[in-house]
PDB file of all heavy atoms in Angstrom:
ATOM      1  N   THR A   1     -25.141 -38.438  16.759  1.00  0.00           N
ATOM      2  CA  THR A   1     -24.070 -39.343  16.330  1.00  0.00           C
ATOM      3  C   THR A   1     -24.549 -40.779  16.174  1.00  0.00           C
ATOM      4  O   THR A   1     -23.757 -41.668  15.888  1.00  0.00           O
ATOM      5  CB  THR A   1     -22.908 -39.325  17.345  1.00  0.00           C
ATOM      6  OG1 THR A   1     -23.413 -39.658  18.651  1.00  0.00           O
ATOM      7  CG2 THR A   1     -22.242 -37.969  17.387  1.00  0.00           C
ATOM      8  N   VAL A   2     -25.839 -41.020  16.373  1.00  0.00           N
ATOM      9  CA  VAL A   2     -26.364 -42.380  16.232  1.00  0.00           C
ATOM     10  C   VAL A   2     -26.269 -42.832  14.782  1.00  0.00           C
ATOM     11  O   VAL A   2     -25.898 -43.962  14.471  1.00  0.00           O
ATOM     12  CB  VAL A   2     -27.818 -42.461  16.727  1.00  0.00           C
ATOM     13  CG1 VAL A   2     -28.383 -43.850  16.471  1.00  0.00           C
ATOM     14  CG2 VAL A   2     -27.892 -42.124  18.217  1.00  0.00           C
ATOM     15  N   SER A   3     -26.582 -41.936  13.874  1.00  0.00           N
ATOM     16  CA  SER A   3     -26.508 -42.246  12.450  1.00  0.00           C
ATOM     17  C   SER A   3     -25.237 -41.646  11.864  1.00  0.00           C
ATOM     18  O   SER A   3     -25.160 -40.452  11.610  1.00  0.00           O
ATOM     19  CB  SER A   3     -27.735 -41.695  11.710  1.00  0.00           C
ATOM     20  OG  SER A   3     -27.607 -41.892  10.324  1.00  0.00           O
ATOM     21  N   GLY A   4     -24.218 -42.490  11.679  1.00  0.00           N
ATOM     22  CA  GLY A   4     -22.937 -42.000  11.171  1.00  0.00           C
ATOM     23  C   GLY A   4     -23.036 -41.448   9.761  1.00  0.00           C
ATOM     24  O   GLY A   4     -22.303 -40.524   9.390  1.00  0.00           O
ATOM     25  N   SER A   5     -23.964 -41.986   8.971  1.00  0.00           N
ATOM     26  CA  SER A   5     -24.075 -41.546   7.580  1.00  0.00           C
ATOM     27  C   SER A   5     -24.580 -40.114   7.468  1.00  0.00           C
ATOM     28  O   SER A   5     -24.331 -39.439   6.472  1.00  0.00           O
ATOM     29  CB  SER A   5     -25.016 -42.482   6.809  1.00  0.00           C
ATOM     30  OG  SER A   5     -26.323 -42.446   7.366  1.00  0.00           O
ATOM     31  N   GLU A   6     -25.278 -39.628   8.486  1.00  0.00           N
ATOM     32  CA  GLU A   6     -25.829 -38.279   8.444  1.00  0.00           C
ATOM     33  C   GLU A   6     -24.959 -37.253   9.175  1.00  0.00           C
ATOM     34  O   GLU A   6     -25.294 -36.076   9.202  1.00  0.00           O
ATOM     35  CB  GLU A   6     -27.236 -38.273   9.058  1.00  0.00           C
ATOM     36  CG  GLU A   6     -28.241 -39.115   8.288  1.00  0.00           C
ATOM     37  CD  GLU A   6     -29.601 -39.118   8.941  1.00  0.00           C
ATOM     38  OE1 GLU A   6     -29.750 -38.471  10.001  1.00  0.00           O
ATOM     39  OE2 GLU A   6     -30.513 -39.774   8.411  1.00  0.00           O
ATOM     40  N   LEU A   7     -23.849 -37.706   9.722  1.00  0.00           N
ATOM     41  CA  LEU A   7     -22.987 -36.824  10.516  1.00  0.00           C
ATOM     42  C   LEU A   7     -22.544 -35.604   9.720  1.00  0.00           C
ATOM     43  O   LEU A   7     -22.700 -34.463  10.164  1.00  0.00           O
ATOM     44  CB  LEU A   7     -21.766 -37.597  11.017  1.00  0.00           C
ATOM     45  CG  LEU A   7     -20.671 -36.767  11.703  1.00  0.00           C
ATOM     46  CD1 LEU A   7     -21.202 -36.112  12.970  1.00  0.00           C
ATOM     47  CD2 LEU A   7     -19.465 -37.641  12.020  1.00  0.00           C
ATOM     48  N   PHE A   8     -22.006 -35.827   8.542  1.00  0.00           N
ATOM     49  CA  PHE A   8     -21.470 -34.716   7.763  1.00  0.00           C
ATOM     50  C   PHE A   8     -22.565 -33.834   7.183  1.00  0.00           C
ATOM     51  O   PHE A   8     -22.334 -32.658   6.912  1.00  0.00           O
ATOM     52  CB  PHE A   8     -20.545 -35.246   6.668  1.00  0.00           C
ATOM     53  CG  PHE A   8     -19.293 -35.877   7.226  1.00  0.00           C
ATOM     54  CD1 PHE A   8     -19.154 -37.248   7.268  1.00  0.00           C
ATOM     55  CD2 PHE A   8     -18.284 -35.088   7.756  1.00  0.00           C
ATOM     56  CE1 PHE A   8     -18.013 -37.827   7.800  1.00  0.00           C
ATOM     57  CE2 PHE A   8     -17.136 -35.653   8.290  1.00  0.00           C
ATOM     58  CZ  PHE A   8     -17.004 -37.034   8.322  1.00  0.00           C
ATOM     59  N   GLU A   9     -23.744 -34.390   7.010  1.00  0.00           N
ATOM     60  CA  GLU A   9     -24.870 -33.561   6.582  1.00  0.00           C
ATOM     61  C   GLU A   9     -25.218 -32.537   7.657  1.00  0.00           C
ATOM     62  O   GLU A   9     -25.652 -31.425   7.360  1.00  0.00           O
ATOM     63  CB  GLU A   9     -26.080 -34.435   6.276  1.00  0.00           C
ATOM     64  CG  GLU A   9     -25.876 -35.394   5.097  1.00  0.00           C
ATOM     65  CD  GLU A   9     -27.027 -36.364   4.951  1.00  0.00           C
ATOM     66  OE1 GLU A   9     -28.129 -36.060   5.436  1.00  0.00           O
ATOM     67  OE2 GLU A   9     -26.808 -37.442   4.367  1.00  0.00           O
ATOM     68  N   GLU A  10     -25.022 -32.923   8.917  1.00  0.00           N
ATOM     69  CA  GLU A  10     -25.352 -32.025  10.029  1.00  0.00           C
ATOM     70  C   GLU A  10     -24.311 -30.932  10.232  1.00  0.00           C
ATOM     71  O   GLU A  10     -24.622 -29.867  10.762  1.00  0.00           O
ATOM     72  CB  GLU A  10     -25.514 -32.839  11.315  1.00  0.00           C
ATOM     73  CG  GLU A  10     -26.709 -33.782  11.327  1.00  0.00           C
ATOM     74  CD  GLU A  10     -27.060 -34.195  12.738  1.00  0.00           C
ATOM     75  OE1 GLU A  10     -27.322 -33.311  13.569  1.00  0.00           O
ATOM     76  OE2 GLU A  10     -27.076 -35.412  13.006  1.00  0.00           O
ATOM     77  N   ILE A  11     -23.075 -31.191   9.834  1.00  0.00           N
ATOM     78  CA  ILE A  11     -22.016 -30.210  10.102  1.00  0.00           C
ATOM     79  C   ILE A  11     -21.444 -29.584   8.834  1.00  0.00           C
ATOM     80  O   ILE A  11     -20.487 -28.804   8.908  1.00  0.00           O
ATOM     81  CB  ILE A  11     -20.866 -30.843  10.921  1.00  0.00           C
ATOM     82  CG1 ILE A  11     -20.174 -31.961  10.130  1.00  0.00           C
ATOM     83  CG2 ILE A  11     -21.372 -31.358  12.248  1.00  0.00           C
ATOM     84  CD1 ILE A  11     -18.943 -32.528  10.833  1.00  0.00           C
ATOM     85  N   MET A  12     -22.022 -29.891   7.688  1.00  0.00           N
ATOM     86  CA  MET A  12     -21.434 -29.413   6.433  1.00  0.00           C
ATOM     87  C   MET A  12     -21.419 -27.891   6.318  1.00  0.00           C
ATOM     88  O   MET A  12     -20.616 -27.322   5.593  1.00  0.00           O
ATOM     89  CB  MET A  12     -22.181 -30.020   5.232  1.00  0.00           C
ATOM     90  CG  MET A  12     -23.619 -29.587   5.092  1.00  0.00           C
ATOM     91  SD  MET A  12     -24.421 -30.351   3.659  1.00  0.00           S
ATOM     92  CE  MET A  12     -23.490 -29.642   2.309  1.00  0.00           C
ATOM     93  N   GLY A  13     -22.275 -27.205   7.077  1.00  0.00           N
ATOM     94  CA  GLY A  13     -22.328 -25.750   7.002  1.00  0.00           C
ATOM     95  C   GLY A  13     -21.410 -25.042   7.976  1.00  0.00           C
ATOM     96  O   GLY A  13     -21.385 -23.808   8.023  1.00  0.00           O
ATOM     97  N   ILE A  14     -20.632 -25.781   8.749  1.00  0.00           N
ATOM     98  CA  ILE A  14     -19.774 -25.159   9.757  1.00  0.00           C
ATOM     99  C   ILE A  14     -18.696 -24.317   9.076  1.00  0.00           C
ATOM    100  O   ILE A  14     -18.187 -24.672   8.005  1.00  0.00           O
ATOM    101  CB  ILE A  14     -19.133 -26.236  10.671  1.00  0.00           C
ATOM    102  CG1 ILE A  14     -18.592 -25.588  11.954  1.00  0.00           C
ATOM    103  CG2 ILE A  14     -18.064 -27.028   9.952  1.00  0.00           C
ATOM    104  CD1 ILE A  14     -18.208 -26.599  13.021  1.00  0.00           C
ATOM    105  N   SER A  15     -18.352 -23.169   9.688  1.00  0.00           N
ATOM    106  CA  SER A  15     -17.389 -22.247   9.075  1.00  0.00           C
ATOM    107  C   SER A  15     -16.495 -21.631  10.140  1.00  0.00           C
ATOM    108  O   SER A  15     -16.587 -21.964  11.331  1.00  0.00           O
ATOM    109  CB  SER A  15     -18.146 -21.142   8.339  1.00  0.00           C
ATOM    110  OG  SER A  15     -18.695 -20.208   9.269  1.00  0.00           O
ATOM    111  N   ASP A  16     -15.658 -20.704   9.703  1.00  0.00           N
ATOM    112  CA  ASP A  16     -14.725 -20.057  10.618  1.00  0.00           C
ATOM    113  C   ASP A  16     -15.408 -19.081  11.567  1.00  0.00           C
ATOM    114  O   ASP A  16     -14.754 -18.494  12.430  1.00  0.00           O
ATOM    115  CB  ASP A  16     -13.609 -19.358   9.848  1.00  0.00           C
ATOM    116  CG  ASP A  16     -14.118 -18.306   8.875  1.00  0.00           C
ATOM    117  OD1 ASP A  16     -15.343 -18.070   8.835  1.00  0.00           O
ATOM    118  OD2 ASP A  16     -13.298 -17.712   8.158  1.00  0.00           O
ATOM    119  N   GLU A  17     -16.716 -18.919  11.432  1.00  0.00           N
ATOM    120  CA  GLU A  17     -17.468 -18.085  12.371  1.00  0.00           C
ATOM    121  C   GLU A  17     -18.084 -18.912  13.494  1.00  0.00           C
ATOM    122  O   GLU A  17     -18.717 -18.360  14.396  1.00  0.00           O
ATOM    123  CB  GLU A  17     -18.583 -17.349  11.631  1.00  0.00           C
ATOM    124  CG  GLU A  17     -18.117 -16.388  10.568  1.00  0.00           C
ATOM    125  CD  GLU A  17     -19.281 -15.696   9.889  1.00  0.00           C
ATOM    126  OE1 GLU A  17     -19.688 -14.625  10.385  1.00  0.00           O
ATOM    127  OE2 GLU A  17     -19.799 -16.232   8.890  1.00  0.00           O
ATOM    128  N   ASP A  18     -17.891 -20.222  13.429  1.00  0.00           N
ATOM    129  CA  ASP A  18     -18.568 -21.134  14.343  1.00  0.00           C
ATOM    130  C   ASP A  18     -17.594 -21.791  15.323  1.00  0.00           C
ATOM    131  O   ASP A  18     -16.373 -21.668  15.197  1.00  0.00           O
ATOM    132  CB  ASP A  18     -19.287 -22.222  13.546  1.00  0.00           C
ATOM    133  CG  ASP A  18     -20.260 -21.652  12.532  1.00  0.00           C
ATOM    134  OD1 ASP A  18     -20.902 -20.632  12.852  1.00  0.00           O
ATOM    135  OD2 ASP A  18     -20.362 -22.210  11.421  1.00  0.00           O
ATOM    136  N   VAL A  19     -18.162 -22.484  16.291  1.00  0.00           N
ATOM    137  CA  VAL A  19     -17.363 -23.241  17.251  1.00  0.00           C
ATOM    138  C   VAL A  19     -17.978 -24.630  17.404  1.00  0.00           C
ATOM    139  O   VAL A  19     -19.201 -24.785  17.328  1.00  0.00           O
ATOM    140  CB  VAL A  19     -17.293 -22.526  18.618  1.00  0.00           C
ATOM    141  CG1 VAL A  19     -18.669 -22.420  19.271  1.00  0.00           C
ATOM    142  CG2 VAL A  19     -16.318 -23.235  19.559  1.00  0.00           C
ATOM    143  N   MET A  20     -17.113 -25.620  17.585  1.00  0.00           N
ATOM    144  CA  MET A  20     -17.574 -26.971  17.887  1.00  0.00           C
ATOM    145  C   MET A  20     -17.028 -27.388  19.248  1.00  0.00           C
ATOM    146  O   MET A  20     -15.822 -27.267  19.502  1.00  0.00           O
ATOM    147  CB  MET A  20     -17.091 -27.977  16.828  1.00  0.00           C
ATOM    148  CG  MET A  20     -17.429 -29.438  17.183  1.00  0.00           C
ATOM    149  SD  MET A  20     -16.864 -30.624  15.938  1.00  0.00           S
ATOM    150  CE  MET A  20     -18.117 -30.372  14.679  1.00  0.00           C
ATOM    151  N   VAL A  21     -17.916 -27.851  20.122  1.00  0.00           N
ATOM    152  CA  VAL A  21     -17.495 -28.439  21.391  1.00  0.00           C
ATOM    153  C   VAL A  21     -17.542 -29.949  21.203  1.00  0.00           C
ATOM    154  O   VAL A  21     -18.615 -30.533  21.016  1.00  0.00           O
ATOM    155  CB  VAL A  21     -18.408 -28.017  22.554  1.00  0.00           C
ATOM    156  CG1 VAL A  21     -17.895 -28.617  23.860  1.00  0.00           C
ATOM    157  CG2 VAL A  21     -18.501 -26.497  22.648  1.00  0.00           C
ATOM    158  N   ALA A  22     -16.378 -30.575  21.222  1.00  0.00           N
ATOM    159  CA  ALA A  22     -16.275 -32.020  20.995  1.00  0.00           C
ATOM    160  C   ALA A  22     -15.884 -32.709  22.295  1.00  0.00           C
ATOM    161  O   ALA A  22     -14.911 -32.311  22.945  1.00  0.00           O
ATOM    162  CB  ALA A  22     -15.245 -32.314  19.913  1.00  0.00           C
ATOM    163  N   ILE A  23     -16.639 -33.738  22.665  1.00  0.00           N
ATOM    164  CA  ILE A  23     -16.416 -34.438  23.923  1.00  0.00           C
ATOM    165  C   ILE A  23     -16.130 -35.903  23.616  1.00  0.00           C
ATOM    166  O   ILE A  23     -16.950 -36.582  22.994  1.00  0.00           O
ATOM    167  CB  ILE A  23     -17.644 -34.326  24.845  1.00  0.00           C
ATOM    168  CG1 ILE A  23     -18.036 -32.852  25.032  1.00  0.00           C
ATOM    169  CG2 ILE A  23     -17.372 -34.978  26.200  1.00  0.00           C
ATOM    170  CD1 ILE A  23     -19.390 -32.658  25.706  1.00  0.00           C
ATOM    171  N   SER A  24     -14.955 -36.385  24.037  1.00  0.00           N
ATOM    172  CA  SER A  24     -14.612 -37.782  23.765  1.00  0.00           C
ATOM    173  C   SER A  24     -13.586 -38.289  24.767  1.00  0.00           C
ATOM    174  O   SER A  24     -12.613 -37.599  25.080  1.00  0.00           O
ATOM    175  CB  SER A  24     -14.061 -37.933  22.344  1.00  0.00           C
ATOM    176  OG  SER A  24     -13.910 -39.298  22.007  1.00  0.00           O
ATOM    177  N   PHE A  25     -13.832 -39.492  25.247  1.00  0.00           N
ATOM    178  CA  PHE A  25     -12.947 -40.164  26.202  1.00  0.00           C
ATOM    179  C   PHE A  25     -12.752 -41.609  25.755  1.00  0.00           C
ATOM    180  O   PHE A  25     -13.553 -42.134  24.984  1.00  0.00           O
ATOM    181  CB  PHE A  25     -13.546 -40.094  27.614  1.00  0.00           C
ATOM    182  CG  PHE A  25     -13.528 -38.709  28.191  1.00  0.00           C
ATOM    183  CD1 PHE A  25     -14.518 -37.793  27.860  1.00  0.00           C
ATOM    184  CD2 PHE A  25     -12.500 -38.301  29.022  1.00  0.00           C
ATOM    185  CE1 PHE A  25     -14.489 -36.496  28.340  1.00  0.00           C
ATOM    186  CE2 PHE A  25     -12.456 -37.005  29.513  1.00  0.00           C
ATOM    187  CZ  PHE A  25     -13.455 -36.109  29.176  1.00  0.00           C
ATOM    188  N   PRO A  26     -11.671 -42.249  26.217  1.00  0.00           N
ATOM    189  CA  PRO A  26     -11.458 -43.642  25.787  1.00  0.00           C
ATOM    190  C   PRO A  26     -12.658 -44.531  26.144  1.00  0.00           C
ATOM    191  O   PRO A  26     -13.233 -44.352  27.210  1.00  0.00           O
ATOM    192  CB  PRO A  26     -10.239 -44.069  26.604  1.00  0.00           C
ATOM    193  CG  PRO A  26      -9.548 -42.780  26.971  1.00  0.00           C
ATOM    194  CD  PRO A  26     -10.631 -41.770  27.123  1.00  0.00           C
ATOM    195  N   ARG A  27     -13.032 -45.396  25.233  1.00  0.00           N
ATOM    196  CA  ARG A  27     -12.432 -45.598  23.920  1.00  0.00           C
ATOM    197  C   ARG A  27     -12.984 -44.568  22.953  1.00  0.00           C
ATOM    198  O   ARG A  27     -14.178 -44.402  22.836  1.00  0.00           O
ATOM    199  CB  ARG A  27     -12.757 -47.005  23.459  1.00  0.00           C
ATOM    200  CG  ARG A  27     -12.211 -48.037  24.439  1.00  0.00           C
ATOM    201  CD  ARG A  27     -12.963 -49.337  24.409  1.00  0.00           C
ATOM    202  NE  ARG A  27     -12.745 -50.116  23.190  1.00  0.00           N
ATOM    203  CZ  ARG A  27     -13.431 -51.245  22.940  1.00  0.00           C
ATOM    204  NH1 ARG A  27     -14.368 -51.663  23.787  1.00  0.00           N
ATOM    205  NH2 ARG A  27     -13.188 -51.903  21.841  1.00  0.00           N
ATOM    206  N   TYR A  28     -12.076 -43.839  22.278  1.00  0.00           N
ATOM    207  CA  TYR A  28     -12.447 -42.679  21.485  1.00  0.00           C
ATOM    208  C   TYR A  28     -13.337 -43.055  20.294  1.00  0.00           C
ATOM    209  O   TYR A  28     -13.091 -44.044  19.608  1.00  0.00           O
ATOM    210  CB  TYR A  28     -11.194 -41.972  20.983  1.00  0.00           C
ATOM    211  CG  TYR A  28     -10.216 -41.603  22.059  1.00  0.00           C
ATOM    212  CD1 TYR A  28      -9.033 -42.316  22.214  1.00  0.00           C
ATOM    213  CD2 TYR A  28     -10.462 -40.547  22.931  1.00  0.00           C
ATOM    214  CE1 TYR A  28      -8.123 -41.981  23.203  1.00  0.00           C
ATOM    215  CE2 TYR A  28      -9.556 -40.204  23.919  1.00  0.00           C
ATOM    216  CZ  TYR A  28      -8.385 -40.927  24.054  1.00  0.00           C
ATOM    217  OH  TYR A  28      -7.477 -40.602  25.040  1.00  0.00           O
ATOM    218  N   SER A  29     -14.343 -42.224  20.055  1.00  0.00           N
ATOM    219  CA  SER A  29     -15.258 -42.446  18.940  1.00  0.00           C
ATOM    220  C   SER A  29     -14.679 -41.882  17.653  1.00  0.00           C
ATOM    221  O   SER A  29     -14.277 -40.714  17.591  1.00  0.00           O
ATOM    222  CB  SER A  29     -16.604 -41.767  19.232  1.00  0.00           C
ATOM    223  OG  SER A  29     -17.375 -41.674  18.061  1.00  0.00           O
ATOM    224  N   LYS A  30     -14.650 -42.695  16.607  1.00  0.00           N
ATOM    225  CA  LYS A  30     -14.161 -42.230  15.302  1.00  0.00           C
ATOM    226  C   LYS A  30     -15.075 -41.146  14.729  1.00  0.00           C
ATOM    227  O   LYS A  30     -14.621 -40.271  13.982  1.00  0.00           O
ATOM    228  CB  LYS A  30     -14.050 -43.402  14.332  1.00  0.00           C
ATOM    229  CG  LYS A  30     -12.869 -44.327  14.626  1.00  0.00           C
ATOM    230  CD  LYS A  30     -12.685 -45.355  13.531  1.00  0.00           C
ATOM    231  CE  LYS A  30     -11.443 -46.188  13.785  1.00  0.00           C
ATOM    232  NZ  LYS A  30     -11.228 -47.210  12.721  1.00  0.00           N
ATOM    233  N   LYS A  31     -16.351 -41.202  15.057  1.00  0.00           N
ATOM    234  CA  LYS A  31     -17.280 -40.185  14.558  1.00  0.00           C
ATOM    235  C   LYS A  31     -16.882 -38.803  15.080  1.00  0.00           C
ATOM    236  O   LYS A  31     -16.898 -37.823  14.336  1.00  0.00           O
ATOM    237  CB  LYS A  31     -18.709 -40.520  14.989  1.00  0.00           C
ATOM    238  CG  LYS A  31     -19.296 -41.769  14.354  1.00  0.00           C
ATOM    239  CD  LYS A  31     -20.673 -42.046  14.884  1.00  0.00           C
ATOM    240  CE  LYS A  31     -21.248 -43.342  14.315  1.00  0.00           C
ATOM    241  NZ  LYS A  31     -22.564 -43.667  14.882  1.00  0.00           N
ATOM    242  N   VAL A  32     -16.535 -38.732  16.352  1.00  0.00           N
ATOM    243  CA  VAL A  32     -16.140 -37.446  16.937  1.00  0.00           C
ATOM    244  C   VAL A  32     -14.804 -36.987  16.358  1.00  0.00           C
ATOM    245  O   VAL A  32     -14.626 -35.806  16.043  1.00  0.00           O
ATOM    246  CB  VAL A  32     -16.076 -37.548  18.476  1.00  0.00           C
ATOM    247  CG1 VAL A  32     -15.610 -36.229  19.082  1.00  0.00           C
ATOM    248  CG2 VAL A  32     -17.433 -37.941  19.052  1.00  0.00           C
ATOM    249  N   ILE A  33     -13.862 -37.911  16.204  1.00  0.00           N
ATOM    250  CA  ILE A  33     -12.562 -37.577  15.615  1.00  0.00           C
ATOM    251  C   ILE A  33     -12.750 -37.009  14.210  1.00  0.00           C
ATOM    252  O   ILE A  33     -12.163 -35.981  13.849  1.00  0.00           O
ATOM    253  CB  ILE A  33     -11.648 -38.816  15.571  1.00  0.00           C
ATOM    254  CG1 ILE A  33     -11.334 -39.313  16.991  1.00  0.00           C
ATOM    255  CG2 ILE A  33     -10.354 -38.505  14.825  1.00  0.00           C
ATOM    256  CD1 ILE A  33     -10.635 -40.658  17.039  1.00  0.00           C
ATOM    257  N   ASN A  34     -13.578 -37.662  13.413  1.00  0.00           N
ATOM    258  CA  ASN A  34     -13.823 -37.201  12.039  1.00  0.00           C
ATOM    259  C   ASN A  34     -14.514 -35.841  12.017  1.00  0.00           C
ATOM    260  O   ASN A  34     -14.194 -34.984  11.174  1.00  0.00           O
ATOM    261  CB  ASN A  34     -14.681 -38.220  11.284  1.00  0.00           C
ATOM    262  CG  ASN A  34     -13.941 -39.516  11.010  1.00  0.00           C
ATOM    263  OD1 ASN A  34     -12.709 -39.536  10.968  1.00  0.00           O
ATOM    264  ND2 ASN A  34     -14.673 -40.598  10.823  1.00  0.00           N
ATOM    265  N   ALA A  35     -15.446 -35.630  12.942  1.00  0.00           N
ATOM    266  CA  ALA A  35     -16.147 -34.348  13.006  1.00  0.00           C
ATOM    267  C   ALA A  35     -15.190 -33.215  13.361  1.00  0.00           C
ATOM    268  O   ALA A  35     -15.278 -32.111  12.796  1.00  0.00           O
ATOM    269  CB  ALA A  35     -17.282 -34.421  14.025  1.00  0.00           C
ATOM    270  N   VAL A  36     -14.288 -33.476  14.289  1.00  0.00           N
ATOM    271  CA  VAL A  36     -13.293 -32.474  14.681  1.00  0.00           C
ATOM    272  C   VAL A  36     -12.390 -32.127  13.502  1.00  0.00           C
ATOM    273  O   VAL A  36     -12.110 -30.948  13.232  1.00  0.00           O
ATOM    274  CB  VAL A  36     -12.460 -32.974  15.880  1.00  0.00           C
ATOM    275  CG1 VAL A  36     -11.219 -32.103  16.086  1.00  0.00           C
ATOM    276  CG2 VAL A  36     -13.307 -32.987  17.145  1.00  0.00           C
ATOM    277  N   ASP A  37     -11.930 -33.145  12.784  1.00  0.00           N
ATOM    278  CA  ASP A  37     -11.076 -32.904  11.616  1.00  0.00           C
ATOM    279  C   ASP A  37     -11.813 -32.030  10.589  1.00  0.00           C
ATOM    280  O   ASP A  37     -11.236 -31.090  10.028  1.00  0.00           O
ATOM    281  CB  ASP A  37     -10.678 -34.232  10.968  1.00  0.00           C
ATOM    282  CG  ASP A  37      -9.708 -35.028  11.827  1.00  0.00           C
ATOM    283  OD1 ASP A  37      -9.132 -34.437  12.760  1.00  0.00           O
ATOM    284  OD2 ASP A  37      -9.523 -36.228  11.562  1.00  0.00           O
ATOM    285  N   TYR A  38     -13.068 -32.353  10.346  1.00  0.00           N
ATOM    286  CA  TYR A  38     -13.860 -31.601   9.363  1.00  0.00           C
ATOM    287  C   TYR A  38     -14.033 -30.148   9.811  1.00  0.00           C
ATOM    288  O   TYR A  38     -13.875 -29.212   9.013  1.00  0.00           O
ATOM    289  CB  TYR A  38     -15.223 -32.260   9.188  1.00  0.00           C
ATOM    290  CG  TYR A  38     -16.069 -31.630   8.112  1.00  0.00           C
ATOM    291  CD1 TYR A  38     -16.018 -32.084   6.800  1.00  0.00           C
ATOM    292  CD2 TYR A  38     -16.926 -30.567   8.406  1.00  0.00           C
ATOM    293  CE1 TYR A  38     -16.783 -31.491   5.801  1.00  0.00           C
ATOM    294  CE2 TYR A  38     -17.695 -29.964   7.426  1.00  0.00           C
ATOM    295  CZ  TYR A  38     -17.629 -30.438   6.127  1.00  0.00           C
ATOM    296  OH  TYR A  38     -18.379 -29.845   5.146  1.00  0.00           O
ATOM    297  N   ALA A  39     -14.341 -29.956  11.090  1.00  0.00           N
ATOM    298  CA  ALA A  39     -14.575 -28.609  11.612  1.00  0.00           C
ATOM    299  C   ALA A  39     -13.320 -27.747  11.523  1.00  0.00           C
ATOM    300  O   ALA A  39     -13.379 -26.570  11.131  1.00  0.00           O
ATOM    301  CB  ALA A  39     -15.056 -28.689  13.063  1.00  0.00           C
ATOM    302  N   ARG A  40     -12.174 -28.320  11.860  1.00  0.00           N
ATOM    303  CA  ARG A  40     -10.935 -27.538  11.803  1.00  0.00           C
ATOM    304  C   ARG A  40     -10.560 -27.208  10.365  1.00  0.00           C
ATOM    305  O   ARG A  40     -10.076 -26.116  10.063  1.00  0.00           O
ATOM    306  CB  ARG A  40      -9.792 -28.301  12.480  1.00  0.00           C
ATOM    307  CG  ARG A  40      -9.857 -28.266  13.982  1.00  0.00           C
ATOM    308  CD  ARG A  40      -9.833 -26.855  14.540  1.00  0.00           C
ATOM    309  NE  ARG A  40      -8.561 -26.178  14.296  1.00  0.00           N
ATOM    310  CZ  ARG A  40      -8.442 -24.901  13.985  1.00  0.00           C
ATOM    311  NH1 ARG A  40      -9.521 -24.140  13.837  1.00  0.00           N
ATOM    312  NH2 ARG A  40      -7.245 -24.362  13.796  1.00  0.00           N
ATOM    313  N   ASN A  41     -10.789 -28.154   9.459  1.00  0.00           N
ATOM    314  CA  ASN A  41     -10.503 -27.884   8.050  1.00  0.00           C
ATOM    315  C   ASN A  41     -11.393 -26.768   7.504  1.00  0.00           C
ATOM    316  O   ASN A  41     -11.013 -26.060   6.568  1.00  0.00           O
ATOM    317  CB  ASN A  41     -10.691 -29.157   7.212  1.00  0.00           C
ATOM    318  CG  ASN A  41      -9.580 -30.159   7.437  1.00  0.00           C
ATOM    319  OD1 ASN A  41      -8.462 -29.791   7.792  1.00  0.00           O
ATOM    320  ND2 ASN A  41      -9.870 -31.437   7.243  1.00  0.00           N
ATOM    321  N   ALA A  42     -12.590 -26.625   8.121  1.00  0.00           N
ATOM    322  CA  ALA A  42     -13.504 -25.556   7.716  1.00  0.00           C
ATOM    323  C   ALA A  42     -13.168 -24.232   8.394  1.00  0.00           C
ATOM    324  O   ALA A  42     -13.806 -23.208   8.121  1.00  0.00           O
ATOM    325  CB  ALA A  42     -14.940 -25.954   8.033  1.00  0.00           C
ATOM    326  N   GLY A  43     -12.189 -24.248   9.305  1.00  0.00           N
ATOM    327  CA  GLY A  43     -11.753 -23.023   9.969  1.00  0.00           C
ATOM    328  C   GLY A  43     -12.437 -22.721  11.283  1.00  0.00           C
ATOM    329  O   GLY A  43     -12.188 -21.672  11.887  1.00  0.00           O
TER     330      GLY A  43
END
């Protein structure tokens, strides 16, 4: 998550056969929020 520009390149292959473990506590990271949204939209 250090490089925000490469975040979606790393998760673009996620599908409904996969699982994402997302860890976030205040103050919440937008990178993690965006990754979770992308993963759920991918099923």
